[in-house]
C-alpha cells in the first residue's frame, strides 16, 4: 500500500537470512478487513466484516495511523503512525484494540509493514540510509536486516505466502515497476515492464498471481499478473482511481478502495472483475484494506 510514508516524502503516489518458513495458513477462510477510516480530522485503523457489518475502531490515538496489515493468525495488526518526534514509526496492536507496542524508534520514516507468513518477521520500508529501502525485522522489533540497497526508492513490500520472495515497487529508470526479491536481498527479478507506473503489489494465496495497481493514462486500475511477468489481466475498468488491492485469504475476491460520488470507500471484487460489492458506505474516506483470515 502506498501510505503516509510516501505521501510525507513526496514519492510516487496516485495517491537478511534464510526465508521464513510458512505454516501454510493460506488459502484460508475469509475473516475481517482492516482499513484506514478518516473522520475528517483524524485517520484511525478500523476493522469490518466483508458484508459491511460490525465495524470496530481499533486505534484511538491523536496521531494518524496508516497501512494496517494483519498477522498471519489475525491476532494483531501492524501499522504506521507518527511518534512524538514527528516521524513515522511502526507499531502493532491487538486486532480488537489494546496492547499497543512500538517496534521502531529512530529519526527516520518507517512504514508499509507486513508480516512474514509464519509471523516471525516483518518487512517494511525505511529511509534511515537516505532513500527508501526495504528492511525486515523480528516481530518484536529486533534483528533488523536490510534487503535492498540501491539509489532509488523502494516501496510497498509484500511477502509471498511461502516466505521465499518479497514483491515491491521501484523505479526502473523511467517509471515505477513491480519487482520480486529474496528476503536476503538476492535474485532480484522485474515483473512488470511498460511505460506506466505500476505499484502496490500483493500475492494471491497460492502465489500464482500478483495483484497490483497500474496507471492507464487517465486513472488507476487494478490488474493481476503471474510472478514471471506473463498473463497480465485487468480487474477493474472505470473512470475513477481504484487502489490498495488486497487478496482475500481464500483467493476468491480482492478488496480495494475506490471513489464513489463523494469519497473513498472499500469494495471487493472477483479476480476476473465480476461481482463487485461495496463494504463501507459513509461520507468520509475509507482506504488501504487488508483482508485477514477468520479467527476460530
C-alpha atoms as a PDB file:
ATOM      1  CA  UNK A   1       0.000   0.000   0.000  1.00  0.00           C
ATOM      2  CA  UNK A   2       1.179   3.436  -0.810  1.00  0.00           C
ATOM      3  CA  UNK A   3       0.646   5.023   2.588  1.00  0.00           C
ATOM      4  CA  UNK A   4       1.576   8.032   4.613  1.00  0.00           C
ATOM      5  CA  UNK A   5       5.315   7.402   4.425  1.00  0.00           C
ATOM      6  CA  UNK A   6       5.360   8.019   0.663  1.00  0.00           C
ATOM      7  CA  UNK A   7       2.945  10.922   0.886  1.00  0.00           C
ATOM      8  CA  UNK A   8       5.071  12.574   3.547  1.00  0.00           C
ATOM      9  CA  UNK A   9       8.245  12.328   1.484  1.00  0.00           C
ATOM     10  CA  UNK A  10       6.659  13.072  -1.890  1.00  0.00           C
ATOM     11  CA  UNK A  11       7.215   9.706  -3.540  1.00  0.00           C
ATOM     12  CA  UNK A  12       5.127   8.161  -6.279  1.00  0.00           C
ATOM     13  CA  UNK A  13       1.509   8.288  -5.235  1.00  0.00           C
ATOM     14  CA  UNK A  14      -1.546   8.058  -7.436  1.00  0.00           C
ATOM     15  CA  UNK A  15      -2.045   8.839  -4.400  1.00  0.00           C
ATOM     16  CA  UNK A  16      18.837 -10.988   5.664  1.00  0.00           C
ATOM     17  CA  UNK A  17      18.940 -14.605   6.397  1.00  0.00           C
ATOM     18  CA  UNK A  18      17.066 -17.608   5.042  1.00  0.00           C
ATOM     19  CA  UNK A  19      13.438 -17.083   4.102  1.00  0.00           C
ATOM     20  CA  UNK A  20      10.977 -17.609   6.937  1.00  0.00           C
ATOM     21  CA  UNK A  21       9.081 -20.875   6.511  1.00  0.00           C
ATOM     22  CA  UNK A  22       5.340 -20.678   6.113  1.00  0.00           C
ATOM     23  CA  UNK A  23       2.900 -22.575   8.284  1.00  0.00           C
ATOM     24  CA  UNK A  24       0.613 -22.864   5.242  1.00  0.00           C
ATOM     25  CA  UNK A  25      -2.195 -20.725   6.626  1.00  0.00           C
ATOM     26  CA  UNK A  26      -3.361 -19.832   3.108  1.00  0.00           C
ATOM     27  CA  UNK A  27      -5.718 -20.408   1.384  1.00  0.00           C
ATOM     28  CA  UNK A  28      -7.906 -19.998   4.452  1.00  0.00           C
ATOM     29  CA  UNK A  29     -11.423 -18.870   5.378  1.00  0.00           C
ATOM     30  CA  UNK A  30     -12.015 -15.147   4.995  1.00  0.00           C
ATOM     31  CA  UNK A  31     -12.072 -13.047   8.141  1.00  0.00           C
ATOM     32  CA  UNK A  32     -12.356  -9.319   8.756  1.00  0.00           C
ATOM     33  CA  UNK A  33     -10.932  -6.471   6.709  1.00  0.00           C
ATOM     34  CA  UNK A  34      -8.654  -3.934   8.389  1.00  0.00           C
ATOM     35  CA  UNK A  35      -8.614  -0.480   6.850  1.00  0.00           C
ATOM     36  CA  UNK A  36      -7.998   3.226   7.458  1.00  0.00           C
ATOM     37  CA  UNK A  37     -11.021   5.366   8.305  1.00  0.00           C
ATOM     38  CA  UNK A  38     -10.862   9.151   8.230  1.00  0.00           C
ATOM     39  CA  UNK A  39     -13.424  11.154  10.175  1.00  0.00           C
ATOM     40  CA  UNK A  40     -12.232  14.380   8.582  1.00  0.00           C
ATOM     41  CA  UNK A  41      -9.820  15.267  11.380  1.00  0.00           C
ATOM     42  CA  UNK A  42      -8.007  12.001  12.136  1.00  0.00           C
ATOM     43  CA  UNK A  43      -7.107   8.700  10.454  1.00  0.00           C
ATOM     44  CA  UNK A  44      -7.638   5.565  12.554  1.00  0.00           C
ATOM     45  CA  UNK A  45      -7.462   1.812  11.997  1.00  0.00           C
ATOM     46  CA  UNK A  46     -10.830   0.069  11.826  1.00  0.00           C
ATOM     47  CA  UNK A  47     -11.913  -3.478  11.050  1.00  0.00           C
ATOM     48  CA  UNK A  48     -15.136  -4.650   9.456  1.00  0.00           C
ATOM     49  CA  UNK A  49     -16.806  -7.806   8.175  1.00  0.00           C
ATOM     50  CA  UNK A  50     -16.734  -8.220   4.379  1.00  0.00           C
ATOM     51  CA  UNK A  51     -20.508  -7.715   4.305  1.00  0.00           C
ATOM     52  CA  UNK A  52     -20.100  -4.293   5.941  1.00  0.00           C
ATOM     53  CA  UNK A  53     -21.280  -5.297   9.414  1.00  0.00           C
ATOM     54  CA  UNK A  54     -19.689  -4.982  12.865  1.00  0.00           C
ATOM     55  CA  UNK A  55     -17.368  -2.050  12.275  1.00  0.00           C
ATOM     56  CA  UNK A  56     -14.770  -1.730  15.052  1.00  0.00           C
ATOM     57  CA  UNK A  57     -12.449   1.178  15.866  1.00  0.00           C
ATOM     58  CA  UNK A  58      -9.122  -0.494  16.735  1.00  0.00           C
ATOM     59  CA  UNK A  59      -6.941   2.554  17.353  1.00  0.00           C
ATOM     60  CA  UNK A  60      -7.974   5.742  19.068  1.00  0.00           C
ATOM     61  CA  UNK A  61      -4.898   7.908  19.119  1.00  0.00           C
ATOM     62  CA  UNK A  62      -4.390  11.626  18.394  1.00  0.00           C
ATOM     63  CA  UNK A  63      -1.766  10.686  15.788  1.00  0.00           C
ATOM     64  CA  UNK A  64      -2.871   9.476  12.351  1.00  0.00           C
ATOM     65  CA  UNK A  65      -2.438   5.762  11.621  1.00  0.00           C
ATOM     66  CA  UNK A  66      -1.941   4.169   8.207  1.00  0.00           C
ATOM     67  CA  UNK A  67      -1.227   0.930   6.324  1.00  0.00           C
ATOM     68  CA  UNK A  68      -2.766  -1.758   8.559  1.00  0.00           C
ATOM     69  CA  UNK A  69      -1.825  -5.409   7.980  1.00  0.00           C
ATOM     70  CA  UNK A  70      -2.979  -8.454   9.916  1.00  0.00           C
ATOM     71  CA  UNK A  71      -0.617 -11.003  11.418  1.00  0.00           C
ATOM     72  CA  UNK A  72      -0.972 -14.487   9.834  1.00  0.00           C
ATOM     73  CA  UNK A  73      -3.442 -15.662  12.504  1.00  0.00           C
ATOM     74  CA  UNK A  74      -5.193 -12.258  12.623  1.00  0.00           C
ATOM     75  CA  UNK A  75      -4.341 -11.759  16.292  1.00  0.00           C
ATOM     76  CA  UNK A  76      -2.509  -8.464  15.803  1.00  0.00           C
ATOM     77  CA  UNK A  77      -2.354  -5.613  13.306  1.00  0.00           C
ATOM     78  CA  UNK A  78       0.850  -3.855  12.303  1.00  0.00           C
ATOM     79  CA  UNK A  79       0.618  -0.243  11.138  1.00  0.00           C
ATOM     80  CA  UNK A  80       2.499   3.043  10.928  1.00  0.00           C
ATOM     81  CA  UNK A  81       1.931   6.277  12.835  1.00  0.00           C
ATOM     82  CA  UNK A  82       3.800   9.422  13.732  1.00  0.00           C
ATOM     83  CA  UNK A  83       5.576   9.333  17.076  1.00  0.00           C
ATOM     84  CA  UNK A  84       6.190  12.274  19.406  1.00  0.00           C
ATOM     85  CA  UNK A  85       9.171  13.463  17.360  1.00  0.00           C
ATOM     86  CA  UNK A  86       7.072  13.710  14.194  1.00  0.00           C
ATOM     87  CA  UNK A  87       8.489  10.891  12.077  1.00  0.00           C
ATOM     88  CA  UNK A  88       6.699   7.688  11.102  1.00  0.00           C
ATOM     89  CA  UNK A  89       7.307   4.575  13.190  1.00  0.00           C
ATOM     90  CA  UNK A  90       5.893   1.036  13.143  1.00  0.00           C
ATOM     91  CA  UNK A  91       3.503  -0.232  15.806  1.00  0.00           C
ATOM     92  CA  UNK A  92       1.393  -3.308  16.441  1.00  0.00           C
ATOM     93  CA  UNK A  93      -1.886  -3.622  18.319  1.00  0.00           C
ATOM     94  CA  UNK A  94      -4.304  -6.409  19.181  1.00  0.00           C
ATOM     95  CA  UNK A  95      -6.875  -6.929  16.445  1.00  0.00           C
ATOM     96  CA  UNK A  96      -9.665  -5.905  18.821  1.00  0.00           C
ATOM     97  CA  UNK A  97      -7.678  -2.936  20.213  1.00  0.00           C
ATOM     98  CA  UNK A  98      -5.291  -2.645  23.173  1.00  0.00           C
ATOM     99  CA  UNK A  99      -1.791  -3.949  23.777  1.00  0.00           C
ATOM    100  CA  UNK A 100      -0.111  -1.355  21.562  1.00  0.00           C
ATOM    101  CA  UNK A 101       3.605  -1.945  21.019  1.00  0.00           C
ATOM    102  CA  UNK A 102       6.137   0.297  19.254  1.00  0.00           C
ATOM    103  CA  UNK A 103       8.583  -1.675  17.083  1.00  0.00           C
ATOM    104  CA  UNK A 104      10.791   1.008  15.535  1.00  0.00           C
ATOM    105  CA  UNK A 105      12.167   4.110  17.209  1.00  0.00           C
ATOM    106  CA  UNK A 106      14.597   6.266  15.271  1.00  0.00           C
ATOM    107  CA  UNK A 107      14.780   9.553  13.387  1.00  0.00           C
ATOM    108  CA  UNK A 108      13.801   8.042  10.035  1.00  0.00           C
ATOM    109  CA  UNK A 109      10.404   7.316   8.488  1.00  0.00           C
ATOM    110  CA  UNK A 110       9.452   3.631   8.777  1.00  0.00           C
ATOM    111  CA  UNK A 111       6.240   2.179   7.371  1.00  0.00           C
ATOM    112  CA  UNK A 112       4.321  -0.026   4.941  1.00  0.00           C
ATOM    113  CA  UNK A 113       4.892  -3.065   7.146  1.00  0.00           C
ATOM    114  CA  UNK A 114       3.539  -6.590   6.604  1.00  0.00           C
ATOM    115  CA  UNK A 115       4.179  -9.868   8.387  1.00  0.00           C
ATOM    116  CA  UNK A 116       6.062 -12.872   7.065  1.00  0.00           C
ATOM    117  CA  UNK A 117       3.839 -15.967   6.565  1.00  0.00           C
ATOM    118  CA  UNK A 118       4.986 -17.518   9.843  1.00  0.00           C
ATOM    119  CA  UNK A 119       4.592 -14.240  11.740  1.00  0.00           C
ATOM    120  CA  UNK A 120       8.189 -14.210  12.967  1.00  0.00           C
ATOM    121  CA  UNK A 121       9.415 -11.276  10.888  1.00  0.00           C
ATOM    122  CA  UNK A 122       8.036  -8.044   9.439  1.00  0.00           C
ATOM    123  CA  UNK A 123       9.050  -6.448   6.151  1.00  0.00           C
ATOM    124  CA  UNK A 124       8.885  -2.663   5.862  1.00  0.00           C
ATOM    125  CA  UNK A 125      10.395   0.396   4.176  1.00  0.00           C
ATOM    126  CA  UNK A 126      12.655   2.971   5.797  1.00  0.00           C
ATOM    127  CA  UNK A 127      14.697   5.970   4.680  1.00  0.00           C
ATOM    128  CA  UNK A 128      17.212   5.531   7.506  1.00  0.00           C
ATOM    129  CA  UNK A 129      20.025   5.070   4.960  1.00  0.00           C
ATOM    130  CA  UNK A 130      18.954   8.009   2.773  1.00  0.00           C
ATOM    131  CA  UNK A 131      16.439   6.847   0.171  1.00  0.00           C
ATOM    132  CA  UNK A 132      13.660   4.389   0.987  1.00  0.00           C
ATOM    133  CA  UNK A 133      14.931   0.803   1.145  1.00  0.00           C
ATOM    134  CA  UNK A 134      13.322  -2.480   2.188  1.00  0.00           C
ATOM    135  CA  UNK A 135      14.197  -3.984   5.570  1.00  0.00           C
ATOM    136  CA  UNK A 136      12.981  -6.869   7.707  1.00  0.00           C
ATOM    137  CA  UNK A 137      12.953  -7.194  11.477  1.00  0.00           C
ATOM    138  CA  UNK A 138      11.693  -9.639  14.059  1.00  0.00           C
ATOM    139  CA  UNK A 139       8.066  -9.251  15.115  1.00  0.00           C
ATOM    140  CA  UNK A 140       9.321  -7.791  18.414  1.00  0.00           C
ATOM    141  CA  UNK A 141      11.284  -5.056  16.589  1.00  0.00           C
ATOM    142  CA  UNK A 142      14.764  -6.579  16.919  1.00  0.00           C
ATOM    143  CA  UNK A 143      17.108  -8.194  14.400  1.00  0.00           C
ATOM    144  CA  UNK A 144      16.898  -5.586  11.641  1.00  0.00           C
ATOM    145  CA  UNK A 145      18.197  -6.702   8.231  1.00  0.00           C
ATOM    146  CA  UNK A 146      18.485  -4.649   5.044  1.00  0.00           C
ATOM    147  CA  UNK A 147      17.053  -6.298   1.911  1.00  0.00           C
ATOM    148  CA  UNK A 148      17.587  -3.734  -0.859  1.00  0.00           C
ATOM    149  CA  UNK A 149      20.480  -1.327  -1.312  1.00  0.00           C
ATOM    150  CA  UNK A 150      20.024   0.868  -4.370  1.00  0.00           C
ATOM    151  CA  UNK A 151      19.961   4.506  -5.401  1.00  0.00           C
ATOM    152  CA  UNK A 152      16.174   4.582  -5.969  1.00  0.00           C
ATOM    153  CA  UNK A 153      13.244   4.353  -3.581  1.00  0.00           C
ATOM    154  CA  UNK A 154      11.558   1.006  -2.986  1.00  0.00           C
ATOM    155  CA  UNK A 155       8.004   0.827  -1.620  1.00  0.00           C
ATOM    156  CA  UNK A 156       5.068  -1.470  -0.830  1.00  0.00           C
ATOM    157  CA  UNK A 157       6.838  -4.719   0.134  1.00  0.00           C
ATOM    158  CA  UNK A 158       4.671  -7.855   0.356  1.00  0.00           C
ATOM    159  CA  UNK A 159       5.864 -11.287   1.457  1.00  0.00           C
ATOM    160  CA  UNK A 160       4.922 -14.282  -0.708  1.00  0.00           C
ATOM    161  CA  UNK A 161       2.802 -16.963   1.029  1.00  0.00           C
ATOM    162  CA  UNK A 162       5.728 -19.433   1.078  1.00  0.00           C
ATOM    163  CA  UNK A 163       8.056 -16.810   2.564  1.00  0.00           C
ATOM    164  CA  UNK A 164      10.636 -17.138  -0.220  1.00  0.00           C
ATOM    165  CA  UNK A 165      10.048 -13.881  -2.129  1.00  0.00           C
ATOM    166  CA  UNK A 166       9.106 -10.270  -1.445  1.00  0.00           C
ATOM    167  CA  UNK A 167       7.231  -8.265  -4.072  1.00  0.00           C
ATOM    168  CA  UNK A 168       7.682  -4.487  -4.138  1.00  0.00           C
ATOM    169  CA  UNK A 169       7.691  -1.446  -6.394  1.00  0.00           C
ATOM    170  CA  UNK A 170      10.688   0.571  -7.554  1.00  0.00           C
ATOM    171  CA  UNK A 171      11.776   2.749 -10.431  1.00  0.00           C
ATOM    172  CA  UNK A 172      13.320   1.081 -13.467  1.00  0.00           C
ATOM    173  CA  UNK A 173      14.787   4.415 -14.563  1.00  0.00           C
ATOM    174  CA  UNK A 174      11.682   5.753 -16.273  1.00  0.00           C
ATOM    175  CA  UNK A 175       8.682   4.772 -14.142  1.00  0.00           C
ATOM    176  CA  UNK A 176       7.576   2.584 -11.218  1.00  0.00           C
ATOM    177  CA  UNK A 177       7.514  -1.169 -11.856  1.00  0.00           C
ATOM    178  CA  UNK A 178       6.884  -4.340  -9.823  1.00  0.00           C
ATOM    179  CA  UNK A 179       9.844  -6.467  -8.742  1.00  0.00           C
ATOM    180  CA  UNK A 180      10.402  -9.506  -6.526  1.00  0.00           C
ATOM    181  CA  UNK A 181      13.457 -10.370  -4.442  1.00  0.00           C
ATOM    182  CA  UNK A 182      14.639 -12.939  -1.924  1.00  0.00           C
ATOM    183  CA  UNK A 183      14.380 -11.841   1.727  1.00  0.00           C
ATOM    184  CA  UNK A 184      18.197 -11.971   1.886  1.00  0.00           C
ATOM    185  CA  UNK A 185      18.425  -9.447  -0.966  1.00  0.00           C
ATOM    186  CA  UNK A 186      19.343 -11.886  -3.709  1.00  0.00           C
ATOM    187  CA  UNK A 187      17.811 -12.837  -7.056  1.00  0.00           C
ATOM    188  CA  UNK A 188      16.008  -9.602  -7.921  1.00  0.00           C
ATOM    189  CA  UNK A 189      13.529 -10.010 -10.786  1.00  0.00           C
ATOM    190  CA  UNK A 190      11.449  -7.462 -12.669  1.00  0.00           C
ATOM    191  CA  UNK A 191       7.790  -8.469 -13.064  1.00  0.00           C
ATOM    192  CA  UNK A 192       6.212  -5.571 -14.974  1.00  0.00           C
ATOM    193  CA  UNK A 193       7.892  -3.600 -17.740  1.00  0.00           C
ATOM    194  CA  UNK A 194       5.923  -0.896 -19.520  1.00  0.00           C
ATOM    195  CA  UNK A 195       5.625   2.889 -19.807  1.00  0.00           C
ATOM    196  CA  UNK A 196       3.169   3.454 -16.939  1.00  0.00           C
ATOM    197  CA  UNK A 197       3.550   3.377 -13.156  1.00  0.00           C
ATOM    198  CA  UNK A 198       2.791   0.002 -11.528  1.00  0.00           C
ATOM    199  CA  UNK A 199       2.603  -0.191  -7.738  1.00  0.00           C
ATOM    200  CA  UNK A 200       1.020  -1.721  -4.601  1.00  0.00           C
ATOM    201  CA  UNK A 201       1.684  -5.432  -5.299  1.00  0.00           C
ATOM    202  CA  UNK A 202       0.100  -8.259  -3.316  1.00  0.00           C
ATOM    203  CA  UNK A 203       0.282 -12.048  -3.671  1.00  0.00           C
ATOM    204  CA  UNK A 204      -2.608 -14.430  -4.243  1.00  0.00           C
ATOM    205  CA  UNK A 205      -2.854 -17.096  -1.509  1.00  0.00           C
ATOM    206  CA  UNK A 206      -1.431 -19.815  -3.780  1.00  0.00           C
ATOM    207  CA  UNK A 207       1.129 -17.243  -5.054  1.00  0.00           C
ATOM    208  CA  UNK A 208       0.285 -17.966  -8.665  1.00  0.00           C
ATOM    209  CA  UNK A 209      -0.542 -14.308  -9.323  1.00  0.00           C
ATOM    210  CA  UNK A 210       0.314 -10.831  -8.078  1.00  0.00           C
ATOM    211  CA  UNK A 211      -2.352  -8.130  -7.845  1.00  0.00           C
ATOM    212  CA  UNK A 212      -1.229  -4.534  -8.378  1.00  0.00           C
ATOM    213  CA  UNK A 213      -2.316  -1.069  -9.488  1.00  0.00           C
ATOM    214  CA  UNK A 214      -1.396   0.441 -12.834  1.00  0.00           C
ATOM    215  CA  UNK A 215      -1.949   3.906 -14.249  1.00  0.00           C
ATOM    216  CA  UNK A 216      -3.728   3.582 -17.591  1.00  0.00           C
ATOM    217  CA  UNK A 217      -3.092   7.189 -18.558  1.00  0.00           C
ATOM    218  CA  UNK A 218      -6.250   8.634 -17.015  1.00  0.00           C
ATOM    219  CA  UNK A 219      -6.753   6.813 -13.696  1.00  0.00           C
ATOM    220  CA  UNK A 220      -5.581   3.910 -11.527  1.00  0.00           C
ATOM    221  CA  UNK A 221      -6.907   0.425 -12.307  1.00  0.00           C
ATOM    222  CA  UNK A 222      -6.296  -2.982 -10.733  1.00  0.00           C
ATOM    223  CA  UNK A 223      -4.538  -5.778 -12.613  1.00  0.00           C
ATOM    224  CA  UNK A 224      -3.139  -9.218 -11.854  1.00  0.00           C
ATOM    225  CA  UNK A 225      -0.077 -10.875 -13.365  1.00  0.00           C
ATOM    226  CA  UNK A 226       1.954 -14.033 -12.950  1.00  0.00           C
ATOM    227  CA  UNK A 227       5.160 -13.641 -10.908  1.00  0.00           C
ATOM    228  CA  UNK A 228       7.141 -14.356 -14.079  1.00  0.00           C
ATOM    229  CA  UNK A 229       5.573 -11.299 -15.725  1.00  0.00           C
ATOM    230  CA  UNK A 230       3.182 -13.114 -18.032  1.00  0.00           C
ATOM    231  CA  UNK A 231      -0.602 -13.422 -18.201  1.00  0.00           C
ATOM    232  CA  UNK A 232      -1.496  -9.823 -17.354  1.00  0.00           C
ATOM    233  CA  UNK A 233      -5.239  -9.421 -16.688  1.00  0.00           C
ATOM    234  CA  UNK A 234      -7.246  -6.271 -15.962  1.00  0.00           C
ATOM    235  CA  UNK A 235      -9.636  -6.478 -12.988  1.00  0.00           C
ATOM    236  CA  UNK A 236     -11.244  -3.012 -12.817  1.00  0.00           C
ATOM    237  CA  UNK A 237     -12.068  -0.727 -15.720  1.00  0.00           C
ATOM    238  CA  UNK A 238     -13.811   2.569 -14.990  1.00  0.00           C
ATOM    239  CA  UNK A 239     -13.170   6.312 -14.782  1.00  0.00           C
ATOM    240  CA  UNK A 240     -12.106   6.555 -11.110  1.00  0.00           C
ATOM    241  CA  UNK A 241      -8.981   5.559  -9.176  1.00  0.00           C
ATOM    242  CA  UNK A 242      -9.007   2.001  -7.810  1.00  0.00           C
ATOM    243  CA  UNK A 243      -6.145   1.456  -5.354  1.00  0.00           C
ATOM    244  CA  UNK A 244      -4.711  -0.603  -2.482  1.00  0.00           C
ATOM    245  CA  UNK A 245      -5.740  -4.107  -3.638  1.00  0.00           C
ATOM    246  CA  UNK A 246      -5.571  -6.981  -1.132  1.00  0.00           C
ATOM    247  CA  UNK A 247      -6.399 -10.589  -1.902  1.00  0.00           C
ATOM    248  CA  UNK A 248      -8.877 -12.432   0.320  1.00  0.00           C
ATOM    249  CA  UNK A 249      -7.413 -15.364   2.297  1.00  0.00           C
ATOM    250  CA  UNK A 250      -9.461 -17.879   0.274  1.00  0.00           C
ATOM    251  CA  UNK A 251      -8.291 -16.323  -3.005  1.00  0.00           C
ATOM    252  CA  UNK A 252     -11.769 -15.765  -4.406  1.00  0.00           C
ATOM    253  CA  UNK A 253     -12.023 -11.978  -4.028  1.00  0.00           C
ATOM    254  CA  UNK A 254      -9.894  -8.824  -3.927  1.00  0.00           C
ATOM    255  CA  UNK A 255     -10.541  -5.906  -1.559  1.00  0.00           C
ATOM    256  CA  UNK A 256      -9.632  -2.388  -2.680  1.00  0.00           C
ATOM    257  CA  UNK A 257     -10.589   1.252  -2.233  1.00  0.00           C
ATOM    258  CA  UNK A 258     -12.275   3.357  -4.864  1.00  0.00           C
ATOM    259  CA  UNK A 259     -14.033   6.675  -5.305  1.00  0.00           C
ATOM    260  CA  UNK A 260     -17.802   6.863  -5.181  1.00  0.00           C
ATOM    261  CA  UNK A 261     -19.678  10.086  -5.850  1.00  0.00           C
ATOM    262  CA  UNK A 262     -18.221  11.850  -2.799  1.00  0.00           C
ATOM    263  CA  UNK A 263     -15.333   9.977  -1.122  1.00  0.00           C
ATOM    264  CA  UNK A 264     -13.193   6.820  -0.926  1.00  0.00           C
ATOM    265  CA  UNK A 265     -14.897   3.565   0.084  1.00  0.00           C
ATOM    266  CA  UNK A 266     -13.922  -0.098   0.419  1.00  0.00           C
ATOM    267  CA  UNK A 267     -15.131  -2.601  -2.179  1.00  0.00           C
ATOM    268  CA  UNK A 268     -14.471  -6.239  -3.048  1.00  0.00           C
ATOM    269  CA  UNK A 269     -14.463  -7.867  -6.468  1.00  0.00           C
ATOM    270  CA  UNK A 270     -13.710 -11.226  -8.064  1.00  0.00           C
ATOM    271  CA  UNK A 271     -10.244 -11.534  -9.663  1.00  0.00           C
ATOM    272  CA  UNK A 272     -11.970 -11.769 -13.058  1.00  0.00           C
ATOM    273  CA  UNK A 273     -13.583  -8.358 -12.454  1.00  0.00           C
ATOM    274  CA  UNK A 274     -17.086  -9.573 -11.704  1.00  0.00           C
ATOM    275  CA  UNK A 275     -19.495  -9.309  -8.764  1.00  0.00           C
ATOM    276  CA  UNK A 276     -18.319  -6.002  -7.325  1.00  0.00           C
ATOM    277  CA  UNK A 277     -19.596  -5.418  -3.777  1.00  0.00           C
ATOM    278  CA  UNK A 278     -19.452  -2.371  -1.534  1.00  0.00           C
ATOM    279  CA  UNK A 279     -18.167  -2.878   2.025  1.00  0.00           C
ATOM    280  CA  UNK A 280     -18.215   0.642   3.522  1.00  0.00           C
ATOM    281  CA  UNK A 281     -20.725   3.389   2.840  1.00  0.00           C
ATOM    282  CA  UNK A 282     -20.424   6.738   4.599  1.00  0.00           C
ATOM    283  CA  UNK A 283     -19.467  10.340   3.965  1.00  0.00           C
ATOM    284  CA  UNK A 284     -15.758  10.125   4.844  1.00  0.00           C
ATOM    285  CA  UNK A 285     -12.755   8.343   3.318  1.00  0.00           C
ATOM    286  CA  UNK A 286     -12.096   4.626   3.902  1.00  0.00           C
ATOM    287  CA  UNK A 287      -8.953   3.195   2.318  1.00  0.00           C
ATOM    288  CA  UNK A 288      -5.987   0.777   2.499  1.00  0.00           C
ATOM    289  CA  UNK A 289      -7.877  -2.504   3.124  1.00  0.00           C
ATOM    290  CA  UNK A 290      -6.063  -5.636   4.301  1.00  0.00           C
ATOM    291  CA  UNK A 291      -8.006  -8.912   4.483  1.00  0.00           C
ATOM    292  CA  UNK A 292      -7.292 -11.185   7.456  1.00  0.00           C
ATOM    293  CA  UNK A 293      -8.064 -14.861   7.993  1.00  0.00           C
ATOM    294  CA  UNK A 294     -11.108 -15.883  10.000  1.00  0.00           C
ATOM    295  CA  UNK A 295     -10.312 -16.285  13.684  1.00  0.00           C
ATOM    296  CA  UNK A 296     -11.622 -19.614  15.080  1.00  0.00           C
END
